[in-house]
């Protein structure tokens, strides 16, 4: 339910609110590492969108920190290498936008 609320907020261009819902969904699914990691990636993506679309440098800094923590997780690289590579790419895009 939290992730769905995040998706709706993102569609309404309420990126900060979407990131909060995704972060809560990640916390609620900590028992499933892959699902939790995916929700954190969505939270970082929402913050990155906030930064890029609205010139919000603080959101970009937060997204960059989240992306870095995601790509530093060695288990994610083993478990889902394509998603891990996507997070690396998104990190680069956020760095460039900042």
Foldseek 3Di string as FASTA:
>chain_A
DLQVVLVVCVVVLVLQSSLVSLQVVLVVVVVDVVSSLVSLLSSLVSLLCCCQVVVDLVSLVVSLVSLVVSLVPPVCCVVPVVVSVVSVVVNVVSVVSD
